[in-house]
């Protein structure tokens, strides 16, 4: 069993895997990723993490769990509990203004960096899963049964947007004030070009549930989901191409992939079931599968800069990872 009160540093070995599931020998230099299990003050399941910069981070999870750090995760502290509800997502627009989502339409808001959290009225009893703010005033939320909410006043009021679907929506990404995508159950990918006034379905021809989506520019995007689903588009979602990795031999159920982030157009990370961590440094042409520290499922991912990130998951797991630049003249330590 994972000891949450013991730090471990692990220099991971990697297996370079092509986006079509074929090993791409010689197409990428050797690389390494340092993984550290950070000391967690809770055994509760942690569902999301957000770092606004490399030092200041928040984590939320089951039973109203709220954790924060002011030193890059060296010390995680419990914030005063504001609810016993399951908390699913956290995001800060800046160091002062942040939001937390959860069960039964729960929205918590801070305007002083988390010193105080106050409820906001969502107008729904649905589970809320994903949140995105482009500044302290303008934000969106997605949730169960096709719920999409929008605010233009920092959450003082939340208004419904017609999604056109009853599928649960888990994640979304906005490139700017007008262009955005949302993903969810039964292969659902929605797109808007007018700030969410209207949403249109994009075809994936997949039964997968998509948990997260990201775009590196206005046309290049990725969506991840159940049973190893990795879909890519190079034309803003007009076509989504299945880039899932091969099952392997012997074939076991591919891990569900839960979260994806690209802090730069070239550098990306994916996390998911059974402690899965995938990385790319070449825009997804190859994905490197990291030999992880443990097999706890990871749900939340935050990368304050391209070199490092944080992932959280089952049994209070908090993982800090840091990439080591390749050096063909030396052996990775």
C-alpha atoms as a PDB file:
ATOM      1  CA  UNK A   1       0.000   0.000   0.000  1.00  0.00           C
ATOM      2  CA  UNK A   2       1.219   3.490  -0.822  1.00  0.00           C
ATOM      3  CA  UNK A   3       2.573   5.281   2.221  1.00  0.00           C
ATOM      4  CA  UNK A   4       1.327   8.847   1.850  1.00  0.00           C
ATOM      5  CA  UNK A   5       3.710  10.067   4.520  1.00  0.00           C
ATOM      6  CA  UNK A   6       6.849   8.935   2.769  1.00  0.00           C
ATOM      7  CA  UNK A   7       8.389  10.829  -0.128  1.00  0.00           C
ATOM      8  CA  UNK A   8       9.872   8.797  -2.912  1.00  0.00           C
ATOM      9  CA  UNK A   9      11.897  10.063  -5.835  1.00  0.00           C
ATOM     10  CA  UNK A  10      11.846   7.900  -8.913  1.00  0.00           C
ATOM     11  CA  UNK A  11      13.659   8.503 -12.186  1.00  0.00           C
ATOM     12  CA  UNK A  12      11.356   6.927 -14.716  1.00  0.00           C
ATOM     13  CA  UNK A  13      12.359   4.884 -17.698  1.00  0.00           C
ATOM     14  CA  UNK A  14      10.384   5.444 -20.856  1.00  0.00           C
ATOM     15  CA  UNK A  15       9.088   3.469 -23.770  1.00  0.00           C
ATOM     16  CA  UNK A  16       8.774   5.479 -26.961  1.00  0.00           C
ATOM     17  CA  UNK A  17       5.516   4.610 -28.669  1.00  0.00           C
ATOM     18  CA  UNK A  18       4.330   5.993 -31.995  1.00  0.00           C
ATOM     19  CA  UNK A  19       0.962   7.685 -32.261  1.00  0.00           C
ATOM     20  CA  UNK A  20      -0.220   4.738 -34.351  1.00  0.00           C
ATOM     21  CA  UNK A  21       0.810   2.321 -31.604  1.00  0.00           C
ATOM     22  CA  UNK A  22       4.002   1.185 -33.369  1.00  0.00           C
ATOM     23  CA  UNK A  23       7.309   1.586 -31.502  1.00  0.00           C
ATOM     24  CA  UNK A  24       9.237   4.473 -33.083  1.00  0.00           C
ATOM     25  CA  UNK A  25      12.831   3.366 -32.562  1.00  0.00           C
ATOM     26  CA  UNK A  26      15.404   6.089 -33.133  1.00  0.00           C
ATOM     27  CA  UNK A  27      12.880   8.877 -33.703  1.00  0.00           C
ATOM     28  CA  UNK A  28      13.322  10.450 -30.285  1.00  0.00           C
ATOM     29  CA  UNK A  29      16.282  10.980 -28.004  1.00  0.00           C
ATOM     30  CA  UNK A  30      16.437   9.316 -24.632  1.00  0.00           C
ATOM     31  CA  UNK A  31      14.619  11.274 -21.974  1.00  0.00           C
ATOM     32  CA  UNK A  32      13.776  10.893 -18.333  1.00  0.00           C
ATOM     33  CA  UNK A  33      11.118  12.108 -15.974  1.00  0.00           C
ATOM     34  CA  UNK A  34      11.638  12.461 -12.251  1.00  0.00           C
ATOM     35  CA  UNK A  35       8.511  11.435 -10.339  1.00  0.00           C
ATOM     36  CA  UNK A  36       8.035  12.267  -6.663  1.00  0.00           C
ATOM     37  CA  UNK A  37       5.181  11.190  -4.426  1.00  0.00           C
ATOM     38  CA  UNK A  38       4.524  14.269  -2.315  1.00  0.00           C
ATOM     39  CA  UNK A  39       3.384  14.002   1.281  1.00  0.00           C
ATOM     40  CA  UNK A  40      -0.410  14.181   1.347  1.00  0.00           C
ATOM     41  CA  UNK A  41      -2.381  15.102   4.477  1.00  0.00           C
ATOM     42  CA  UNK A  42      -5.406  13.020   3.415  1.00  0.00           C
ATOM     43  CA  UNK A  43      -6.259   9.493   2.217  1.00  0.00           C
ATOM     44  CA  UNK A  44      -9.307  10.805   0.333  1.00  0.00           C
ATOM     45  CA  UNK A  45      -9.641  10.533  -3.443  1.00  0.00           C
ATOM     46  CA  UNK A  46      -8.345  13.708  -5.094  1.00  0.00           C
ATOM     47  CA  UNK A  47     -10.010  14.695  -8.366  1.00  0.00           C
ATOM     48  CA  UNK A  48      -8.407  17.922  -9.538  1.00  0.00           C
ATOM     49  CA  UNK A  49      -5.389  20.154  -9.067  1.00  0.00           C
ATOM     50  CA  UNK A  50      -4.590  23.668 -10.259  1.00  0.00           C
ATOM     51  CA  UNK A  51      -1.325  25.599 -10.054  1.00  0.00           C
ATOM     52  CA  UNK A  52      -1.435  29.230 -11.125  1.00  0.00           C
ATOM     53  CA  UNK A  53       2.351  29.327 -10.834  1.00  0.00           C
ATOM     54  CA  UNK A  54       5.040  26.881  -9.724  1.00  0.00           C
ATOM     55  CA  UNK A  55       4.518  27.634  -6.019  1.00  0.00           C
ATOM     56  CA  UNK A  56       0.784  28.160  -5.463  1.00  0.00           C
ATOM     57  CA  UNK A  57      -1.531  25.189  -5.941  1.00  0.00           C
ATOM     58  CA  UNK A  58      -4.951  23.877  -4.894  1.00  0.00           C
ATOM     59  CA  UNK A  59      -6.359  20.338  -4.836  1.00  0.00           C
ATOM     60  CA  UNK A  60      -9.978  19.194  -4.361  1.00  0.00           C
ATOM     61  CA  UNK A  61     -11.650  15.823  -3.944  1.00  0.00           C
ATOM     62  CA  UNK A  62     -14.029  13.550  -2.079  1.00  0.00           C
ATOM     63  CA  UNK A  63     -15.817  14.566   1.121  1.00  0.00           C
ATOM     64  CA  UNK A  64     -15.255  18.269   0.530  1.00  0.00           C
ATOM     65  CA  UNK A  65     -11.458  17.866   0.627  1.00  0.00           C
ATOM     66  CA  UNK A  66      -9.548  21.073  -0.119  1.00  0.00           C
ATOM     67  CA  UNK A  67      -5.747  21.238   0.032  1.00  0.00           C
ATOM     68  CA  UNK A  68      -3.326  24.026  -0.804  1.00  0.00           C
ATOM     69  CA  UNK A  69       0.403  24.660  -1.042  1.00  0.00           C
ATOM     70  CA  UNK A  70       2.466  27.821  -1.166  1.00  0.00           C
ATOM     71  CA  UNK A  71       5.833  26.172  -1.777  1.00  0.00           C
ATOM     72  CA  UNK A  72       5.413  23.964  -4.819  1.00  0.00           C
ATOM     73  CA  UNK A  73       4.001  21.023  -2.878  1.00  0.00           C
ATOM     74  CA  UNK A  74       6.784  20.618  -0.333  1.00  0.00           C
ATOM     75  CA  UNK A  75       4.044  21.122   2.255  1.00  0.00           C
ATOM     76  CA  UNK A  76       0.346  20.527   1.555  1.00  0.00           C
ATOM     77  CA  UNK A  77      -2.147  21.908   4.064  1.00  0.00           C
ATOM     78  CA  UNK A  78      -5.845  21.252   4.586  1.00  0.00           C
ATOM     79  CA  UNK A  79      -8.118  24.233   3.987  1.00  0.00           C
ATOM     80  CA  UNK A  80     -11.164  24.609   6.269  1.00  0.00           C
ATOM     81  CA  UNK A  81     -13.942  22.359   4.987  1.00  0.00           C
ATOM     82  CA  UNK A  82     -16.815  24.306   3.422  1.00  0.00           C
ATOM     83  CA  UNK A  83     -18.936  21.320   2.388  1.00  0.00           C
ATOM     84  CA  UNK A  84     -19.080  17.542   2.583  1.00  0.00           C
ATOM     85  CA  UNK A  85     -19.970  17.327  -1.098  1.00  0.00           C
ATOM     86  CA  UNK A  86     -17.738  15.650  -3.659  1.00  0.00           C
ATOM     87  CA  UNK A  87     -15.581  18.384  -5.200  1.00  0.00           C
ATOM     88  CA  UNK A  88     -14.598  17.752  -8.807  1.00  0.00           C
ATOM     89  CA  UNK A  89     -12.713  20.745 -10.231  1.00  0.00           C
ATOM     90  CA  UNK A  90     -10.695  23.802  -9.228  1.00  0.00           C
ATOM     91  CA  UNK A  91      -9.348  26.743 -11.226  1.00  0.00           C
ATOM     92  CA  UNK A  92      -7.814  30.141 -10.506  1.00  0.00           C
ATOM     93  CA  UNK A  93      -7.999  32.967 -13.043  1.00  0.00           C
ATOM     94  CA  UNK A  94      -5.192  34.701 -11.124  1.00  0.00           C
ATOM     95  CA  UNK A  95      -3.622  34.352  -7.681  1.00  0.00           C
ATOM     96  CA  UNK A  96      -6.671  35.888  -5.983  1.00  0.00           C
ATOM     97  CA  UNK A  97      -9.749  34.733  -7.906  1.00  0.00           C
ATOM     98  CA  UNK A  98     -10.608  31.028  -7.889  1.00  0.00           C
ATOM     99  CA  UNK A  99     -13.552  28.637  -8.217  1.00  0.00           C
ATOM    100  CA  UNK A 100     -14.296  25.096  -7.044  1.00  0.00           C
ATOM    101  CA  UNK A 101     -17.030  22.855  -8.492  1.00  0.00           C
ATOM    102  CA  UNK A 102     -18.801  19.805  -7.189  1.00  0.00           C
ATOM    103  CA  UNK A 103     -21.848  17.711  -6.498  1.00  0.00           C
ATOM    104  CA  UNK A 104     -25.420  19.066  -6.599  1.00  0.00           C
ATOM    105  CA  UNK A 105     -24.416  22.173  -8.528  1.00  0.00           C
ATOM    106  CA  UNK A 106     -21.864  23.282  -5.928  1.00  0.00           C
ATOM    107  CA  UNK A 107     -19.768  26.357  -6.789  1.00  0.00           C
ATOM    108  CA  UNK A 108     -17.365  27.905  -4.286  1.00  0.00           C
ATOM    109  CA  UNK A 109     -15.577  31.189  -4.994  1.00  0.00           C
ATOM    110  CA  UNK A 110     -12.642  33.076  -3.498  1.00  0.00           C
ATOM    111  CA  UNK A 111     -11.451  36.602  -4.196  1.00  0.00           C
ATOM    112  CA  UNK A 112      -8.564  36.559  -1.716  1.00  0.00           C
ATOM    113  CA  UNK A 113      -6.413  33.631  -2.812  1.00  0.00           C
ATOM    114  CA  UNK A 114      -8.368  31.007  -0.897  1.00  0.00           C
ATOM    115  CA  UNK A 115      -8.355  32.685   2.522  1.00  0.00           C
ATOM    116  CA  UNK A 116     -12.155  32.606   2.326  1.00  0.00           C
ATOM    117  CA  UNK A 117     -14.483  30.568   0.105  1.00  0.00           C
ATOM    118  CA  UNK A 118     -18.071  31.642  -0.490  1.00  0.00           C
ATOM    119  CA  UNK A 119     -20.884  29.803  -2.345  1.00  0.00           C
ATOM    120  CA  UNK A 120     -22.203  30.968  -5.700  1.00  0.00           C
ATOM    121  CA  UNK A 121     -25.631  30.065  -7.100  1.00  0.00           C
ATOM    122  CA  UNK A 122     -25.314  27.761 -10.106  1.00  0.00           C
ATOM    123  CA  UNK A 123     -29.045  27.353 -10.747  1.00  0.00           C
ATOM    124  CA  UNK A 124     -28.673  23.599 -11.241  1.00  0.00           C
ATOM    125  CA  UNK A 125     -28.546  20.439  -9.129  1.00  0.00           C
ATOM    126  CA  UNK A 126     -26.416  18.635 -11.699  1.00  0.00           C
ATOM    127  CA  UNK A 127     -22.921  17.384 -10.970  1.00  0.00           C
ATOM    128  CA  UNK A 128     -20.459  19.955 -12.307  1.00  0.00           C
ATOM    129  CA  UNK A 129     -17.242  18.604 -13.808  1.00  0.00           C
ATOM    130  CA  UNK A 130     -15.241  21.189 -15.752  1.00  0.00           C
ATOM    131  CA  UNK A 131     -14.450  24.886 -15.418  1.00  0.00           C
ATOM    132  CA  UNK A 132     -12.539  27.429 -17.481  1.00  0.00           C
ATOM    133  CA  UNK A 133     -12.014  31.165 -16.883  1.00  0.00           C
ATOM    134  CA  UNK A 134     -10.217  33.301 -19.432  1.00  0.00           C
ATOM    135  CA  UNK A 135     -10.019  36.140 -16.878  1.00  0.00           C
ATOM    136  CA  UNK A 136     -11.555  36.934 -13.491  1.00  0.00           C
ATOM    137  CA  UNK A 137     -14.903  37.869 -15.038  1.00  0.00           C
ATOM    138  CA  UNK A 138     -15.551  35.520 -17.963  1.00  0.00           C
ATOM    139  CA  UNK A 139     -15.941  31.779 -17.453  1.00  0.00           C
ATOM    140  CA  UNK A 140     -17.761  28.586 -18.403  1.00  0.00           C
ATOM    141  CA  UNK A 141     -18.767  25.408 -16.566  1.00  0.00           C
ATOM    142  CA  UNK A 142     -19.808  21.999 -17.952  1.00  0.00           C
ATOM    143  CA  UNK A 143     -21.557  19.173 -16.164  1.00  0.00           C
ATOM    144  CA  UNK A 144     -23.952  16.253 -16.159  1.00  0.00           C
ATOM    145  CA  UNK A 145     -26.880  15.972 -18.590  1.00  0.00           C
ATOM    146  CA  UNK A 146     -25.378  18.437 -21.051  1.00  0.00           C
ATOM    147  CA  UNK A 147     -25.166  21.369 -18.645  1.00  0.00           C
ATOM    148  CA  UNK A 148     -23.170  24.376 -19.850  1.00  0.00           C
ATOM    149  CA  UNK A 149     -23.114  27.554 -17.746  1.00  0.00           C
ATOM    150  CA  UNK A 150     -21.577  30.936 -18.527  1.00  0.00           C
ATOM    151  CA  UNK A 151     -20.743  34.008 -16.447  1.00  0.00           C
ATOM    152  CA  UNK A 152     -19.614  37.486 -17.461  1.00  0.00           C
ATOM    153  CA  UNK A 153     -19.419  38.884 -13.941  1.00  0.00           C
ATOM    154  CA  UNK A 154     -17.086  36.559 -12.085  1.00  0.00           C
ATOM    155  CA  UNK A 155     -19.846  34.156 -11.118  1.00  0.00           C
ATOM    156  CA  UNK A 156     -22.237  36.576  -9.455  1.00  0.00           C
ATOM    157  CA  UNK A 157     -24.700  35.210 -12.013  1.00  0.00           C
ATOM    158  CA  UNK A 158     -24.506  31.973 -13.991  1.00  0.00           C
ATOM    159  CA  UNK A 159     -26.657  31.540 -17.125  1.00  0.00           C
ATOM    160  CA  UNK A 160     -27.545  28.367 -19.016  1.00  0.00           C
ATOM    161  CA  UNK A 161     -26.273  27.805 -22.536  1.00  0.00           C
ATOM    162  CA  UNK A 162     -28.121  25.352 -24.778  1.00  0.00           C
ATOM    163  CA  UNK A 163     -25.729  22.493 -25.475  1.00  0.00           C
ATOM    164  CA  UNK A 164     -28.059  20.449 -27.674  1.00  0.00           C
ATOM    165  CA  UNK A 165     -27.155  17.228 -25.844  1.00  0.00           C
ATOM    166  CA  UNK A 166     -28.134  15.323 -22.717  1.00  0.00           C
ATOM    167  CA  UNK A 167     -24.756  13.566 -22.555  1.00  0.00           C
ATOM    168  CA  UNK A 168     -22.646  14.190 -19.468  1.00  0.00           C
ATOM    169  CA  UNK A 169     -19.947  16.748 -20.300  1.00  0.00           C
ATOM    170  CA  UNK A 170     -16.623  16.377 -18.483  1.00  0.00           C
ATOM    171  CA  UNK A 171     -14.094  18.769 -20.008  1.00  0.00           C
ATOM    172  CA  UNK A 172     -13.678  21.661 -22.381  1.00  0.00           C
ATOM    173  CA  UNK A 173     -11.206  24.145 -23.804  1.00  0.00           C
ATOM    174  CA  UNK A 174     -11.552  27.697 -25.110  1.00  0.00           C
ATOM    175  CA  UNK A 175      -8.925  29.169 -27.427  1.00  0.00           C
ATOM    176  CA  UNK A 176     -10.392  32.657 -27.058  1.00  0.00           C
ATOM    177  CA  UNK A 177     -13.659  34.355 -26.140  1.00  0.00           C
ATOM    178  CA  UNK A 178     -15.475  32.822 -29.113  1.00  0.00           C
ATOM    179  CA  UNK A 179     -13.912  29.484 -30.080  1.00  0.00           C
ATOM    180  CA  UNK A 180     -14.267  26.494 -27.761  1.00  0.00           C
ATOM    181  CA  UNK A 181     -14.891  22.748 -27.530  1.00  0.00           C
ATOM    182  CA  UNK A 182     -16.550  20.496 -24.933  1.00  0.00           C
ATOM    183  CA  UNK A 183     -16.341  16.697 -24.572  1.00  0.00           C
ATOM    184  CA  UNK A 184     -18.329  14.004 -22.830  1.00  0.00           C
ATOM    185  CA  UNK A 185     -20.045  10.647 -22.896  1.00  0.00           C
ATOM    186  CA  UNK A 186     -20.816   8.527 -25.984  1.00  0.00           C
ATOM    187  CA  UNK A 187     -18.156  10.110 -28.184  1.00  0.00           C
ATOM    188  CA  UNK A 188     -19.530  13.623 -27.704  1.00  0.00           C
ATOM    189  CA  UNK A 189     -17.443  16.548 -28.930  1.00  0.00           C
ATOM    190  CA  UNK A 190     -19.173  19.943 -29.206  1.00  0.00           C
ATOM    191  CA  UNK A 191     -17.816  23.112 -30.777  1.00  0.00           C
ATOM    192  CA  UNK A 192     -18.796  26.765 -30.552  1.00  0.00           C
ATOM    193  CA  UNK A 193     -17.592  29.737 -32.585  1.00  0.00           C
ATOM    194  CA  UNK A 194     -19.742  32.366 -30.872  1.00  0.00           C
ATOM    195  CA  UNK A 195     -18.763  32.088 -27.221  1.00  0.00           C
ATOM    196  CA  UNK A 196     -21.268  29.334 -26.492  1.00  0.00           C
ATOM    197  CA  UNK A 197     -24.420  30.971 -27.818  1.00  0.00           C
ATOM    198  CA  UNK A 198     -24.673  27.913 -30.043  1.00  0.00           C
ATOM    199  CA  UNK A 199     -22.986  24.507 -29.841  1.00  0.00           C
ATOM    200  CA  UNK A 200     -22.655  22.005 -32.687  1.00  0.00           C
ATOM    201  CA  UNK A 201     -21.779  18.307 -32.591  1.00  0.00           C
ATOM    202  CA  UNK A 202     -18.566  17.130 -34.248  1.00  0.00           C
ATOM    203  CA  UNK A 203     -18.420  13.554 -35.554  1.00  0.00           C
ATOM    204  CA  UNK A 204     -16.017  11.097 -33.928  1.00  0.00           C
ATOM    205  CA  UNK A 205     -17.646   7.753 -34.863  1.00  0.00           C
ATOM    206  CA  UNK A 206     -16.544   6.511 -31.457  1.00  0.00           C
ATOM    207  CA  UNK A 207     -18.471   5.155 -28.457  1.00  0.00           C
ATOM    208  CA  UNK A 208     -15.715   6.301 -26.097  1.00  0.00           C
ATOM    209  CA  UNK A 209     -16.440   8.664 -23.261  1.00  0.00           C
ATOM    210  CA  UNK A 210     -14.115  11.644 -23.621  1.00  0.00           C
ATOM    211  CA  UNK A 211     -12.934  13.139 -20.336  1.00  0.00           C
ATOM    212  CA  UNK A 212     -10.743  15.993 -21.544  1.00  0.00           C
ATOM    213  CA  UNK A 213      -9.808  18.056 -24.583  1.00  0.00           C
ATOM    214  CA  UNK A 214      -7.108  20.584 -25.390  1.00  0.00           C
ATOM    215  CA  UNK A 215      -5.974  22.631 -28.385  1.00  0.00           C
ATOM    216  CA  UNK A 216      -2.472  23.956 -29.037  1.00  0.00           C
ATOM    217  CA  UNK A 217      -3.677  26.416 -31.692  1.00  0.00           C
ATOM    218  CA  UNK A 218      -6.932  27.167 -33.516  1.00  0.00           C
ATOM    219  CA  UNK A 219      -6.828  23.933 -35.567  1.00  0.00           C
ATOM    220  CA  UNK A 220      -4.671  21.370 -33.676  1.00  0.00           C
ATOM    221  CA  UNK A 221      -6.340  19.506 -30.832  1.00  0.00           C
ATOM    222  CA  UNK A 222      -6.462  16.324 -28.771  1.00  0.00           C
ATOM    223  CA  UNK A 223      -9.205  14.496 -26.867  1.00  0.00           C
ATOM    224  CA  UNK A 224      -8.706  11.572 -24.457  1.00  0.00           C
ATOM    225  CA  UNK A 225     -11.050   9.090 -22.831  1.00  0.00           C
ATOM    226  CA  UNK A 226     -12.027   5.543 -21.963  1.00  0.00           C
ATOM    227  CA  UNK A 227     -10.001   2.464 -22.903  1.00  0.00           C
ATOM    228  CA  UNK A 228      -7.000   4.429 -24.068  1.00  0.00           C
ATOM    229  CA  UNK A 229      -8.865   6.724 -26.438  1.00  0.00           C
ATOM    230  CA  UNK A 230      -6.596   9.373 -27.984  1.00  0.00           C
ATOM    231  CA  UNK A 231      -8.140  11.395 -30.809  1.00  0.00           C
ATOM    232  CA  UNK A 232      -6.394  14.114 -32.773  1.00  0.00           C
ATOM    233  CA  UNK A 233      -7.600  16.817 -35.142  1.00  0.00           C
ATOM    234  CA  UNK A 234      -5.592  19.074 -37.448  1.00  0.00           C
ATOM    235  CA  UNK A 235      -8.571  21.004 -38.838  1.00  0.00           C
ATOM    236  CA  UNK A 236     -10.380  22.377 -35.773  1.00  0.00           C
ATOM    237  CA  UNK A 237     -12.422  19.205 -35.323  1.00  0.00           C
ATOM    238  CA  UNK A 238     -13.894  18.791 -38.767  1.00  0.00           C
ATOM    239  CA  UNK A 239     -12.152  15.421 -38.669  1.00  0.00           C
ATOM    240  CA  UNK A 240     -11.133  13.532 -35.538  1.00  0.00           C
ATOM    241  CA  UNK A 241      -8.619  10.706 -36.076  1.00  0.00           C
ATOM    242  CA  UNK A 242      -8.221   7.817 -33.631  1.00  0.00           C
ATOM    243  CA  UNK A 243      -4.572   7.742 -32.532  1.00  0.00           C
ATOM    244  CA  UNK A 244      -4.959   5.156 -29.754  1.00  0.00           C
ATOM    245  CA  UNK A 245      -1.916   3.070 -28.943  1.00  0.00           C
ATOM    246  CA  UNK A 246      -1.833  -0.656 -29.695  1.00  0.00           C
ATOM    247  CA  UNK A 247      -3.137  -2.929 -26.935  1.00  0.00           C
ATOM    248  CA  UNK A 248       0.110  -4.893 -26.684  1.00  0.00           C
ATOM    249  CA  UNK A 249       0.766  -8.573 -26.105  1.00  0.00           C
ATOM    250  CA  UNK A 250      -0.721 -10.027 -24.048  1.00  0.00           C
ATOM    251  CA  UNK A 251      -3.574  -7.606 -24.583  1.00  0.00           C
ATOM    252  CA  UNK A 252      -5.097  -6.146 -21.444  1.00  0.00           C
ATOM    253  CA  UNK A 253      -7.760  -3.485 -21.159  1.00  0.00           C
ATOM    254  CA  UNK A 254      -6.168  -0.166 -22.122  1.00  0.00           C
ATOM    255  CA  UNK A 255      -6.132   2.344 -19.302  1.00  0.00           C
ATOM    256  CA  UNK A 256      -8.756   5.070 -19.302  1.00  0.00           C
ATOM    257  CA  UNK A 257      -7.099   8.410 -20.055  1.00  0.00           C
ATOM    258  CA  UNK A 258      -8.539  11.222 -17.972  1.00  0.00           C
ATOM    259  CA  UNK A 259      -6.637  14.464 -18.497  1.00  0.00           C
ATOM    260  CA  UNK A 260      -4.397  16.020 -21.158  1.00  0.00           C
ATOM    261  CA  UNK A 261      -2.412  19.241 -21.212  1.00  0.00           C
ATOM    262  CA  UNK A 262      -0.028  20.878 -23.661  1.00  0.00           C
ATOM    263  CA  UNK A 263       1.840  23.742 -21.942  1.00  0.00           C
ATOM    264  CA  UNK A 264       3.559  24.357 -25.304  1.00  0.00           C
ATOM    265  CA  UNK A 265       2.631  23.241 -28.837  1.00  0.00           C
ATOM    266  CA  UNK A 266       5.355  20.553 -28.661  1.00  0.00           C
ATOM    267  CA  UNK A 267       5.220  19.417 -25.041  1.00  0.00           C
ATOM    268  CA  UNK A 268       2.229  17.435 -23.734  1.00  0.00           C
ATOM    269  CA  UNK A 269       1.236  15.122 -20.882  1.00  0.00           C
ATOM    270  CA  UNK A 270      -1.630  12.635 -20.422  1.00  0.00           C
ATOM    271  CA  UNK A 271      -2.620  10.953 -17.150  1.00  0.00           C
ATOM    272  CA  UNK A 272      -5.141   8.268 -16.284  1.00  0.00           C
ATOM    273  CA  UNK A 273      -6.055   4.904 -14.890  1.00  0.00           C
ATOM    274  CA  UNK A 274      -3.527   2.662 -13.106  1.00  0.00           C
ATOM    275  CA  UNK A 275      -1.079   5.548 -12.675  1.00  0.00           C
ATOM    276  CA  UNK A 276      -0.662   6.036 -16.424  1.00  0.00           C
ATOM    277  CA  UNK A 277       1.501   8.975 -17.490  1.00  0.00           C
ATOM    278  CA  UNK A 278       2.268   9.621 -21.163  1.00  0.00           C
ATOM    279  CA  UNK A 279       4.519  12.399 -22.446  1.00  0.00           C
ATOM    280  CA  UNK A 280       5.429  13.902 -25.788  1.00  0.00           C
ATOM    281  CA  UNK A 281       8.011  16.502 -26.706  1.00  0.00           C
ATOM    282  CA  UNK A 282       7.264  16.482 -30.450  1.00  0.00           C
ATOM    283  CA  UNK A 283       3.602  17.552 -30.698  1.00  0.00           C
ATOM    284  CA  UNK A 284       2.337  13.998 -30.282  1.00  0.00           C
ATOM    285  CA  UNK A 285       4.256  12.395 -33.126  1.00  0.00           C
ATOM    286  CA  UNK A 286       5.514  10.005 -30.471  1.00  0.00           C
ATOM    287  CA  UNK A 287       4.212   9.390 -26.960  1.00  0.00           C
ATOM    288  CA  UNK A 288       6.486   8.094 -24.229  1.00  0.00           C
ATOM    289  CA  UNK A 289       4.892   5.803 -21.650  1.00  0.00           C
ATOM    290  CA  UNK A 290       6.385   6.475 -18.235  1.00  0.00           C
ATOM    291  CA  UNK A 291       7.086   3.677 -15.786  1.00  0.00           C
ATOM    292  CA  UNK A 292       5.172   5.177 -12.908  1.00  0.00           C
ATOM    293  CA  UNK A 293       5.730   5.193  -9.155  1.00  0.00           C
ATOM    294  CA  UNK A 294       2.469   3.447  -8.271  1.00  0.00           C
ATOM    295  CA  UNK A 295      -0.762   2.207  -9.825  1.00  0.00           C
ATOM    296  CA  UNK A 296      -3.210   4.637  -8.245  1.00  0.00           C
ATOM    297  CA  UNK A 297      -5.548   6.123 -10.849  1.00  0.00           C
ATOM    298  CA  UNK A 298      -4.760   9.776 -11.575  1.00  0.00           C
ATOM    299  CA  UNK A 299      -7.583  12.234 -12.287  1.00  0.00           C
ATOM    300  CA  UNK A 300      -6.271  15.808 -12.100  1.00  0.00           C
ATOM    301  CA  UNK A 301      -3.322  17.386 -13.900  1.00  0.00           C
ATOM    302  CA  UNK A 302      -1.736  20.840 -13.763  1.00  0.00           C
ATOM    303  CA  UNK A 303       1.422  22.080 -15.455  1.00  0.00           C
ATOM    304  CA  UNK A 304       2.552  25.505 -14.264  1.00  0.00           C
ATOM    305  CA  UNK A 305       5.412  25.401 -16.772  1.00  0.00           C
ATOM    306  CA  UNK A 306       6.591  23.025 -19.532  1.00  0.00           C
ATOM    307  CA  UNK A 307       9.221  21.343 -17.351  1.00  0.00           C
ATOM    308  CA  UNK A 308       7.064  20.294 -14.426  1.00  0.00           C
ATOM    309  CA  UNK A 309       3.590  19.285 -13.394  1.00  0.00           C
ATOM    310  CA  UNK A 310       1.401  17.829 -10.685  1.00  0.00           C
ATOM    311  CA  UNK A 311      -1.089  14.952 -10.835  1.00  0.00           C
ATOM    312  CA  UNK A 312      -3.565  13.804  -8.173  1.00  0.00           C
ATOM    313  CA  UNK A 313      -5.678  10.710  -7.712  1.00  0.00           C
ATOM    314  CA  UNK A 314      -6.901   7.849  -5.551  1.00  0.00           C
ATOM    315  CA  UNK A 315      -6.005   7.478  -1.863  1.00  0.00           C
ATOM    316  CA  UNK A 316      -4.688  11.022  -1.540  1.00  0.00           C
ATOM    317  CA  UNK A 317      -2.004  10.549  -4.192  1.00  0.00           C
ATOM    318  CA  UNK A 318      -0.095  13.680  -5.221  1.00  0.00           C
ATOM    319  CA  UNK A 319       2.636  13.218  -7.843  1.00  0.00           C
ATOM    320  CA  UNK A 320       5.141  15.886  -8.817  1.00  0.00           C
ATOM    321  CA  UNK A 321       6.996  15.269 -12.074  1.00  0.00           C
ATOM    322  CA  UNK A 322       9.910  17.119 -13.608  1.00  0.00           C
ATOM    323  CA  UNK A 323      11.392  16.465 -17.023  1.00  0.00           C
ATOM    324  CA  UNK A 324      15.146  16.202 -17.468  1.00  0.00           C
ATOM    325  CA  UNK A 325      16.565  17.607 -20.755  1.00  0.00           C
ATOM    326  CA  UNK A 326      18.042  14.969 -23.023  1.00  0.00           C
ATOM    327  CA  UNK A 327      21.810  14.777 -23.245  1.00  0.00           C
ATOM    328  CA  UNK A 328      23.136  12.335 -25.794  1.00  0.00           C
ATOM    329  CA  UNK A 329      26.613  12.579 -24.265  1.00  0.00           C
ATOM    330  CA  UNK A 330      25.597  11.240 -20.860  1.00  0.00           C
ATOM    331  CA  UNK A 331      23.474   8.552 -19.351  1.00  0.00           C
ATOM    332  CA  UNK A 332      20.215   9.783 -17.737  1.00  0.00           C
ATOM    333  CA  UNK A 333      20.633   9.616 -13.995  1.00  0.00           C
END
